[in-house]
Protein backbone atom coordinates (compact mmCIF):
# COMPACT_ATOMS: atom_id res chain seq x y z
CA UNK A 1 0.00 0.00 0.00
CA UNK A 2 1.21 3.48 -0.89
CA UNK A 3 0.69 6.01 1.94
CA UNK A 4 1.12 9.78 1.78
CA UNK A 5 1.12 11.76 5.02
CA UNK A 6 -0.03 15.38 5.16
CA UNK A 7 1.21 16.95 8.40
CA UNK A 8 2.97 20.02 9.77
CA UNK A 9 2.59 20.23 13.57
CA UNK A 10 5.02 18.52 15.94
CA UNK A 11 2.14 16.44 17.33
CA UNK A 12 2.31 14.39 14.11
CA UNK A 13 5.98 13.40 14.42
CA UNK A 14 5.47 10.12 16.37
CA UNK A 15 2.76 9.11 13.88
CA UNK A 16 5.09 9.94 10.98
CA UNK A 17 7.71 7.60 12.42
CA UNK A 18 5.08 4.88 12.91
CA UNK A 19 4.05 5.12 9.26
CA UNK A 20 7.66 5.29 8.09
CA UNK A 21 8.40 2.04 9.94
CA UNK A 22 5.66 0.26 7.96
CA UNK A 23 7.72 0.73 4.80
CA UNK A 24 4.66 2.03 2.97
CA UNK A 25 5.13 5.80 3.36
CA UNK A 26 6.02 7.27 -0.04
CA UNK A 27 5.89 11.03 0.67
CA UNK A 28 5.22 13.78 3.18
CA UNK A 29 3.19 16.86 2.29
CA UNK A 30 3.82 19.72 4.70
CA UNK A 31 3.62 23.50 4.89
CA UNK A 32 6.35 25.66 3.32
CA UNK A 33 9.30 26.81 5.41
CA UNK A 34 8.37 29.97 7.37
CA UNK A 35 10.31 32.89 8.91
CA UNK A 36 10.72 32.32 12.66
CA UNK A 37 12.01 34.41 15.56
CA UNK A 38 13.30 37.91 15.95
CA UNK A 39 15.60 37.58 12.94
CA UNK A 40 12.89 35.90 10.81
CA UNK A 41 15.11 32.96 9.95
CA UNK A 42 13.54 30.72 7.32
CA UNK A 43 12.80 27.50 9.23
CA UNK A 44 11.36 24.18 8.03
CA UNK A 45 8.69 22.29 9.96
CA UNK A 46 10.37 19.77 12.25
CA UNK A 47 8.51 16.95 10.56
CA UNK A 48 10.12 17.91 7.25
CA UNK A 49 13.54 17.41 8.84
CA UNK A 50 12.40 13.98 10.08
CA UNK A 51 11.31 13.06 6.56
CA UNK A 52 14.59 14.20 5.02
CA UNK A 53 16.54 12.18 7.58
CA UNK A 54 14.44 9.13 6.71
CA UNK A 55 14.83 9.62 2.97
CA UNK A 56 11.12 10.33 2.46
CA UNK A 57 10.30 12.78 -0.37
CA UNK A 58 8.75 16.08 0.78
CA UNK A 59 6.20 18.28 -0.99
CA UNK A 60 5.54 21.83 0.29
CA UNK A 61 2.78 23.50 -1.73
CA UNK A 62 1.85 27.01 -0.63
CA UNK A 63 -1.84 26.29 -1.24
CA UNK A 64 -3.09 22.73 -1.51
CA UNK A 65 -6.08 23.85 -3.57
CA UNK A 66 -3.86 24.98 -6.44
CA UNK A 67 -4.32 22.67 -9.44
CA UNK A 68 -0.55 22.14 -9.78
CA UNK A 69 -0.33 20.99 -6.14
CA UNK A 70 -3.28 18.65 -6.60
CA UNK A 71 -1.73 17.14 -9.73
CA UNK A 72 1.63 16.65 -7.99
CA UNK A 73 -0.15 14.74 -5.22
CA UNK A 74 -2.15 12.71 -7.72
CA UNK A 75 1.04 11.61 -9.48
CA UNK A 76 2.11 9.88 -6.26
CA UNK A 77 -0.83 7.47 -6.76
CA UNK A 78 -1.55 7.07 -3.03
CA UNK A 79 -3.80 4.30 -1.82
CA UNK A 80 -4.20 6.11 1.50
CA UNK A 81 -3.66 9.70 2.64
CA UNK A 82 -3.16 10.31 6.36
CA UNK A 83 -3.75 13.87 7.60
CA UNK A 84 -2.66 15.18 11.00
CA UNK A 85 -2.22 18.83 12.01
CA UNK A 86 -1.58 19.81 8.39
CA UNK A 87 -2.87 23.36 8.65
CA UNK A 88 -4.94 23.75 5.48
CA UNK A 89 -8.51 22.93 4.53
CA UNK A 90 -8.40 20.27 1.81
CA UNK A 91 -10.47 20.70 -1.36
CA UNK A 92 -12.65 17.92 -2.73
CA UNK A 93 -10.12 17.41 -5.53
CA UNK A 94 -7.63 16.18 -2.90
CA UNK A 95 -10.17 14.16 -0.94
CA UNK A 96 -11.00 12.24 -4.14
CA UNK A 97 -7.38 11.24 -4.91
CA UNK A 98 -6.58 8.14 -2.78
CA UNK A 99 -7.80 4.74 -3.89
CA UNK A 100 -8.71 3.50 -0.40
CA UNK A 101 -9.40 6.51 1.85
CA UNK A 102 -8.20 9.82 3.21
CA UNK A 103 -8.23 9.84 7.02
CA UNK A 104 -7.45 12.35 9.73
CA UNK A 105 -5.98 11.91 13.21
CA UNK A 106 -7.62 14.51 15.48
CA UNK A 107 -6.57 15.24 19.09
CA UNK A 108 -9.98 15.01 20.77
CA UNK A 109 -12.83 12.57 21.23
CA UNK A 110 -15.04 13.68 18.36
CA UNK A 111 -17.54 15.16 17.92
CA UNK A 112 -16.36 17.10 20.99
CA UNK A 113 -13.84 19.88 20.30
CA UNK A 114 -13.70 20.03 16.54
CA UNK A 115 -11.21 22.60 15.32
CA UNK A 116 -7.63 23.71 15.85
CA UNK A 117 -7.57 24.35 19.63
CA UNK A 118 -8.97 20.96 20.65
CA UNK A 119 -6.22 20.27 23.20
CA UNK A 120 -6.63 23.56 25.05
CA UNK A 121 -10.42 23.26 24.89
CA UNK A 122 -10.46 19.91 26.70
CA UNK A 123 -8.48 21.33 29.63
CA UNK A 124 -10.34 24.64 29.76
CA UNK A 125 -13.69 22.84 29.75
CA UNK A 126 -12.65 20.59 32.64
CA UNK A 127 -13.22 17.39 30.67
CA UNK A 128 -12.64 14.09 32.46
CA UNK A 129 -11.07 12.53 29.37
CA UNK A 130 -9.84 13.27 25.88
CA UNK A 131 -8.04 11.25 23.25
CA UNK A 132 -7.26 10.75 19.57
CA UNK A 133 -9.93 10.07 16.97
CA UNK A 134 -9.25 8.65 13.51
CA UNK A 135 -11.94 9.66 11.04
CA UNK A 136 -12.64 9.86 7.34
CA UNK A 137 -12.02 13.30 5.84
CA UNK A 138 -15.00 15.18 4.42
CA UNK A 139 -15.40 18.81 3.36
CA UNK A 140 -17.04 19.78 6.67
CA UNK A 141 -14.47 20.42 9.41
CA UNK A 142 -13.70 17.31 11.51
CA UNK A 143 -17.13 15.85 10.73
CA UNK A 144 -16.32 12.59 8.94
CA UNK A 145 -17.27 9.09 10.05
CA UNK A 146 -15.20 7.78 12.96
CA UNK A 147 -13.05 4.70 12.36
CA UNK A 148 -11.60 4.29 15.86
CA UNK A 149 -10.35 6.26 18.84
CA UNK A 150 -8.03 5.95 21.83
CA UNK A 151 -9.00 7.58 25.13
CA UNK A 152 -6.85 9.34 27.72
CA UNK A 153 -8.08 10.28 31.23
CA UNK A 154 -7.50 13.86 32.39
CA UNK A 155 -6.38 14.29 35.99
CA UNK A 156 -6.70 18.06 36.35
CA UNK A 157 -2.96 18.72 36.34
CA UNK A 158 -2.29 18.73 32.60
CA UNK A 159 -1.08 21.76 30.69
CA UNK A 160 -1.64 22.35 27.01
CA UNK A 161 2.02 21.49 26.46
CA UNK A 162 2.02 18.24 28.44
CA UNK A 163 -1.29 17.07 26.96
CA UNK A 164 -0.02 17.81 23.45
CA UNK A 165 2.91 15.46 24.09
CA UNK A 166 0.71 12.77 25.67
CA UNK A 167 -1.67 12.79 22.69
CA UNK A 168 1.22 12.78 20.23
CA UNK A 169 2.46 9.59 21.91
CA UNK A 170 -1.05 8.06 21.87
CA UNK A 171 -1.81 8.80 18.21
CA UNK A 172 0.35 6.12 16.51
CA UNK A 173 -1.55 3.27 18.18
CA UNK A 174 -4.88 4.73 17.05
CA UNK A 175 -3.56 5.32 13.55
CA UNK A 176 -2.15 1.81 13.15
CA UNK A 177 -5.44 0.38 14.39
CA UNK A 178 -7.25 2.38 11.72
CA UNK A 179 -4.86 1.11 9.04
CA UNK A 180 -5.55 -2.48 10.08
CA UNK A 181 -9.30 -1.86 9.89
CA UNK A 182 -9.04 -0.31 6.44
CA UNK A 183 -6.72 -2.98 5.05
CA UNK A 184 -8.85 -5.83 6.40
CA UNK A 185 -12.01 -4.47 4.78
CA UNK A 186 -13.78 -3.97 8.11
CA UNK A 187 -14.24 -0.20 7.71
CA UNK A 188 -17.81 -0.40 6.46
CA UNK A 189 -18.79 -2.45 9.52
CA UNK A 190 -17.06 -0.43 12.24
CA UNK A 191 -17.24 3.18 11.04
CA UNK A 192 -19.88 5.34 12.71
CA UNK A 193 -21.39 8.71 12.04
CA UNK A 194 -20.75 11.56 14.44
CA UNK A 195 -23.67 12.80 16.53
CA UNK A 196 -24.01 16.42 15.43
CA UNK A 197 -26.03 17.28 18.54
CA UNK A 198 -22.91 16.59 20.65
CA UNK A 199 -20.46 18.60 18.56
CA UNK A 200 -18.49 21.54 19.97
CA UNK A 201 -16.04 23.83 18.22
CA UNK A 202 -12.58 24.95 19.36
CA UNK A 203 -11.37 27.68 16.97
CA UNK A 204 -7.73 28.58 16.39
CA UNK A 205 -6.33 30.67 19.24
CA UNK A 206 -4.61 34.05 18.96
CA UNK A 207 -2.20 35.61 21.45
CA UNK A 208 -4.87 38.05 22.60
CA UNK A 209 -7.04 35.10 23.67
CA UNK A 210 -4.60 34.53 26.52
CA UNK A 211 -5.64 37.65 28.47
CA UNK A 212 -7.11 36.62 31.82
CA UNK A 213 -10.60 37.76 32.71
CA UNK A 214 -10.54 38.01 36.50
CA UNK A 215 -14.35 38.08 36.59
CA UNK A 216 -14.25 34.35 35.93
CA UNK A 217 -14.25 32.02 38.96
CA UNK A 218 -10.89 30.87 40.27
CA UNK A 219 -11.20 27.33 38.95
CA UNK A 220 -11.81 28.66 35.42
CA UNK A 221 -8.86 31.04 35.61
CA UNK A 222 -6.62 28.19 36.78
CA UNK A 223 -7.82 25.93 33.96
CA UNK A 224 -7.10 28.60 31.38
CA UNK A 225 -3.57 29.14 32.66
CA UNK A 226 -2.92 25.40 32.40
CA UNK A 227 -4.66 25.01 29.04
CA UNK A 228 -2.89 27.90 27.31
CA UNK A 229 0.62 26.88 28.38
CA UNK A 230 2.68 27.13 26.29
CA UNK A 231 0.54 28.48 23.42
CA UNK A 232 -0.82 31.13 23.29
CA UNK A 233 0.19 31.73 26.93
CA UNK A 234 -1.73 33.76 29.50
CA UNK A 235 -1.17 37.29 30.71
CA UNK A 236 -2.67 40.17 32.63
CA UNK A 237 -2.06 43.90 32.90
CA UNK A 238 -0.57 45.31 36.10
CA UNK A 239 0.08 48.89 37.27
CA UNK A 240 3.83 49.54 37.40
CA UNK A 241 4.79 51.54 40.49
CA UNK A 242 8.16 52.48 38.95
CA UNK A 243 6.95 53.81 35.60
CA UNK A 244 3.40 54.77 36.53
CA UNK A 245 2.10 52.96 33.44
CA UNK A 246 0.34 49.66 32.89
CA UNK A 247 2.53 46.72 31.90
CA UNK A 248 2.00 43.18 30.65
CA UNK A 249 2.70 40.29 33.02
CA UNK A 250 2.86 36.78 31.57
CA UNK A 251 1.62 34.07 33.92
CA UNK A 252 2.68 30.41 34.02
CA UNK A 253 1.57 27.25 35.78
CA UNK A 254 1.57 25.80 38.37
CA UNK A 255 -1.24 27.76 40.00
CA UNK A 256 -2.57 27.33 43.53
CA UNK A 257 -6.36 27.38 43.62
CA UNK A 258 -8.31 28.75 46.60
CA UNK A 259 -12.00 28.17 45.96
CA UNK A 260 -13.37 28.78 49.45
CA UNK A 261 -11.05 31.53 50.62
CA UNK A 262 -12.46 34.32 52.79
CA UNK A 263 -11.76 37.63 51.08
CA UNK A 264 -12.00 41.25 52.30
CA UNK A 265 -15.42 42.85 51.96
CA UNK A 266 -14.10 45.28 49.34
CA UNK A 267 -12.43 42.60 47.21
CA UNK A 268 -13.19 42.83 43.49
CA UNK A 269 -12.10 40.63 40.58
CA UNK A 270 -8.44 41.16 39.80
CA UNK A 271 -7.57 42.64 43.21
CA UNK A 272 -4.19 41.63 44.62
CA UNK A 273 -4.87 40.20 48.09
CA UNK A 274 -1.28 39.30 48.93
CA UNK A 275 2.05 39.73 47.17
CA UNK A 276 5.49 38.52 48.16
CA UNK A 277 8.11 35.78 47.82
CA UNK A 278 5.47 33.06 48.26
CA UNK A 279 3.42 34.29 45.31
CA UNK A 280 0.73 36.77 44.33
CA UNK A 281 -2.80 36.00 45.50
CA UNK A 282 -5.43 37.43 43.15
CA UNK A 283 -9.18 37.67 43.74
CA UNK A 284 -11.43 36.11 41.10
CA UNK A 285 -15.11 36.63 40.34
CA UNK A 286 -18.01 34.53 39.16
CA UNK A 287 -20.61 32.80 41.27
CA UNK A 288 -17.96 30.63 42.95
CA UNK A 289 -15.49 33.47 43.63
CA UNK A 290 -12.23 32.27 45.07
CA UNK A 291 -8.67 33.31 44.30
CA UNK A 292 -5.56 31.99 42.61
CA UNK A 293 -1.94 32.23 43.73
CA UNK A 294 0.53 33.00 40.94
CA UNK A 295 4.03 31.68 41.57
CA UNK A 296 5.79 32.05 38.20
CA UNK A 297 5.62 35.15 35.99
CA UNK A 298 7.43 37.21 33.40
CA UNK A 299 7.25 40.98 33.01
CA UNK A 300 7.78 42.55 29.59
CA UNK A 301 11.44 42.65 28.60
CA UNK A 302 12.58 40.37 31.41
CA UNK A 303 13.11 36.67 31.97
CA UNK A 304 10.63 34.21 33.42
CA UNK A 305 11.04 34.15 37.21
CA UNK A 306 9.53 32.87 40.44
CA UNK A 307 7.65 35.16 42.82
CA UNK A 308 10.63 35.69 45.08
CA UNK A 309 12.78 36.98 42.20
CA UNK A 310 9.95 39.04 40.74
CA UNK A 311 9.11 40.89 43.93
CA UNK A 312 12.78 41.52 44.64
CA UNK A 313 12.79 43.93 41.72
CA UNK A 314 9.13 44.79 41.10
CA UNK A 315 6.31 46.02 43.27
CA UNK A 316 2.60 45.32 42.91
CA UNK A 317 0.97 46.68 46.09
CA UNK A 318 -1.80 44.78 47.85
CA UNK A 319 -5.07 46.30 46.68
CA UNK A 320 -3.87 46.83 43.11
CA UNK A 321 -6.33 45.81 40.41
CA UNK A 322 -5.05 43.63 37.58
CA UNK A 323 -6.54 43.71 34.13
CA UNK A 324 -7.61 46.30 31.61
CA UNK A 325 -10.46 48.74 32.28
CA UNK A 326 -13.71 46.82 32.49
CA UNK A 327 -11.93 43.67 33.69
CA UNK A 328 -11.05 44.66 37.23
């Protein structure tokens, strides 16, 4: 069987290696090299480097819907196309190419959390479990029939970064199971439609999505900080005593959660209740109230540091209100 993989994100690297070990992978289709970093150095996707090291041909069309890109893929005569974190919506002309099927490995238990930010969404929603789903590709986003899935329990300590790695490690087993089902002719018997009434959507995140809304209850703030680490990250605005202007403060897990804490009568969302070497305690809102203690942070133009180092050189007085106007 001739397999082509379409993938760009690092989450697909273990699955790439699993397919490469089958001896049936004939090419990788990935995104073009992009400028990265302060100096905008042209950098290839890591999975492209893996393919080059393995001697697997690489295609990098700018737009997969271009007729020339479609024809180049068609000339590979794939029996199966495997898609994972590729980064482009595929046209019907691509979906129609493989002899056997075109399938997608998605990092959630579909139909829950369709879309790009499925990993962060599972943590932020407080889900008890997530996983990897292998499905047939259709024009509608992440809506194809499910072939199989592998589940992973969530313990309430995961970050977006750690869960990304856990799901990357889980995906090859799900993918190889799907290949066995397809090759054995059992697909028609085991595939199942998704229940549209249970579908949720997790759109692509931007950096601005990481701003903390202190009106949310403490448990929700803590989930967001875990979910958005390390992309897009979370931050708040704090009043700088030195400069007299508002500055950005990046916030990192771990976070201590205080759901039943007794707060001053005048406490409002975003109010700093305590600040020192043991962390910064911030009042949260919502019907459940509570507070979170921030222990690792990074002010603009400085390194990431613990609370002791931060408060040795910065001051955020107790009673300060974090967040932009309308948030505190």
